[in-house]
Amino acid sequence: MTIFGQGVNYYAFSIPIWFLGGMLVLLVDARRCKMAGQRKDERFARFAGWLNIALGVIFLVREWAV
């Protein structure tokens, strides 16, 4: 979306959300699944948590480079 020749940057809001979301999934959901003995759910929660953190890092590096 362009306003007066400048674009709106949503990455400033989404990068911390990706980091926080990934940390919460890893610290809360994966641990809860491990205690409940849900091995497949734990593996998926760990994958999703690390994916969120990786996306946060990728877009953070992109913001610094641009």
C-alpha atoms as a PDB file:
ATOM      1  CA  MET A   1       0.000   0.000   0.000  1.00  0.00           C
ATOM      2  CA  THR A   2       1.521   3.307  -1.053  1.00  0.00           C
ATOM      3  CA  ILE A   3       0.772   6.563   0.746  1.00  0.00           C
ATOM      4  CA  PHE A   4       2.349   9.754  -0.633  1.00  0.00           C
ATOM      5  CA  GLY A   5       5.122   7.820  -2.371  1.00  0.00           C
ATOM      6  CA  GLN A   6       6.130   5.759   0.667  1.00  0.00           C
ATOM      7  CA  GLY A   7       5.216   2.163   1.316  1.00  0.00           C
ATOM      8  CA  VAL A   8       3.804   0.853   4.573  1.00  0.00           C
ATOM      9  CA  ASN A   9       6.202  -1.587   6.211  1.00  0.00           C
ATOM     10  CA  TYR A  10       4.450  -4.392   8.069  1.00  0.00           C
ATOM     11  CA  TYR A  11       7.670  -6.276   8.822  1.00  0.00           C
ATOM     12  CA  ALA A  12       8.325  -4.058  11.823  1.00  0.00           C
ATOM     13  CA  PHE A  13       5.224  -5.576  13.413  1.00  0.00           C
ATOM     14  CA  SER A  14       5.458  -9.129  12.100  1.00  0.00           C
ATOM     15  CA  ILE A  15       9.107  -9.912  12.944  1.00  0.00           C
ATOM     16  CA  PRO A  16       8.631  -9.690  16.747  1.00  0.00           C
ATOM     17  CA  ILE A  17       5.402 -11.676  16.409  1.00  0.00           C
ATOM     18  CA  TRP A  18       7.256 -14.469  14.596  1.00  0.00           C
ATOM     19  CA  PHE A  19       9.950 -14.533  17.283  1.00  0.00           C
ATOM     20  CA  LEU A  20       7.481 -14.446  20.159  1.00  0.00           C
ATOM     21  CA  GLY A  21       5.180 -16.995  18.556  1.00  0.00           C
ATOM     22  CA  GLY A  22       8.051 -19.389  17.906  1.00  0.00           C
ATOM     23  CA  MET A  23       9.326 -19.073  21.460  1.00  0.00           C
ATOM     24  CA  LEU A  24       5.863 -19.661  22.917  1.00  0.00           C
ATOM     25  CA  VAL A  25       5.301 -22.739  20.760  1.00  0.00           C
ATOM     26  CA  LEU A  26       8.671 -24.169  21.767  1.00  0.00           C
ATOM     27  CA  LEU A  27       8.385 -23.359  25.456  1.00  0.00           C
ATOM     28  CA  VAL A  28       4.711 -24.081  26.052  1.00  0.00           C
ATOM     29  CA  ASP A  29       3.167 -26.298  23.389  1.00  0.00           C
ATOM     30  CA  ALA A  30       6.093 -28.631  22.736  1.00  0.00           C
ATOM     31  CA  ARG A  31       6.667 -29.105  26.472  1.00  0.00           C
ATOM     32  CA  ARG A  32       2.964 -29.810  27.045  1.00  0.00           C
ATOM     33  CA  CYS A  33       2.934 -32.396  24.258  1.00  0.00           C
ATOM     34  CA  LYS A  34       6.079 -34.035  25.638  1.00  0.00           C
ATOM     35  CA  MET A  35       4.539 -34.372  29.107  1.00  0.00           C
ATOM     36  CA  ALA A  36       1.354 -35.828  27.601  1.00  0.00           C
ATOM     37  CA  GLY A  37       3.346 -38.359  25.578  1.00  0.00           C
ATOM     38  CA  GLN A  38       2.160 -37.044  22.213  1.00  0.00           C
ATOM     39  CA  ARG A  39       5.316 -37.645  20.197  1.00  0.00           C
ATOM     40  CA  LYS A  40       3.993 -36.610  16.762  1.00  0.00           C
ATOM     41  CA  ASP A  41       2.415 -33.439  18.104  1.00  0.00           C
ATOM     42  CA  GLU A  42       5.617 -32.569  19.954  1.00  0.00           C
ATOM     43  CA  ARG A  43       7.688 -32.984  16.789  1.00  0.00           C
ATOM     44  CA  PHE A  44       5.277 -30.802  14.811  1.00  0.00           C
ATOM     45  CA  ALA A  45       5.238 -28.144  17.538  1.00  0.00           C
ATOM     46  CA  ARG A  46       9.035 -28.037  17.549  1.00  0.00           C
ATOM     47  CA  PHE A  47       9.074 -27.787  13.744  1.00  0.00           C
ATOM     48  CA  ALA A  48       6.491 -24.973  13.772  1.00  0.00           C
ATOM     49  CA  GLY A  49       8.325 -23.111  16.537  1.00  0.00           C
ATOM     50  CA  TRP A  50      11.675 -23.248  14.777  1.00  0.00           C
ATOM     51  CA  LEU A  51      10.021 -22.323  11.475  1.00  0.00           C
ATOM     52  CA  ASN A  52       8.565 -19.177  13.052  1.00  0.00           C
ATOM     53  CA  ILE A  53      11.939 -18.227  14.524  1.00  0.00           C
ATOM     54  CA  ALA A  54      13.685 -18.903  11.190  1.00  0.00           C
ATOM     55  CA  LEU A  55      11.160 -16.733   9.329  1.00  0.00           C
ATOM     56  CA  GLY A  56      11.740 -13.980  11.855  1.00  0.00           C
ATOM     57  CA  VAL A  57      15.496 -14.175  11.302  1.00  0.00           C
ATOM     58  CA  ILE A  58      15.151 -14.271   7.509  1.00  0.00           C
ATOM     59  CA  PHE A  59      12.911 -11.215   7.390  1.00  0.00           C
ATOM     60  CA  LEU A  60      15.039  -9.386   9.959  1.00  0.00           C
ATOM     61  CA  VAL A  61      18.137  -9.898   7.790  1.00  0.00           C
ATOM     62  CA  ARG A  62      16.110  -8.822   4.755  1.00  0.00           C
ATOM     63  CA  GLU A  63      15.088  -5.617   6.509  1.00  0.00           C
ATOM     64  CA  TRP A  64      18.682  -4.846   7.426  1.00  0.00           C
ATOM     65  CA  ALA A  65      19.865  -5.525   3.861  1.00  0.00           C
ATOM     66  CA  VAL A  66      17.257  -3.348   2.150  1.00  0.00           C
END
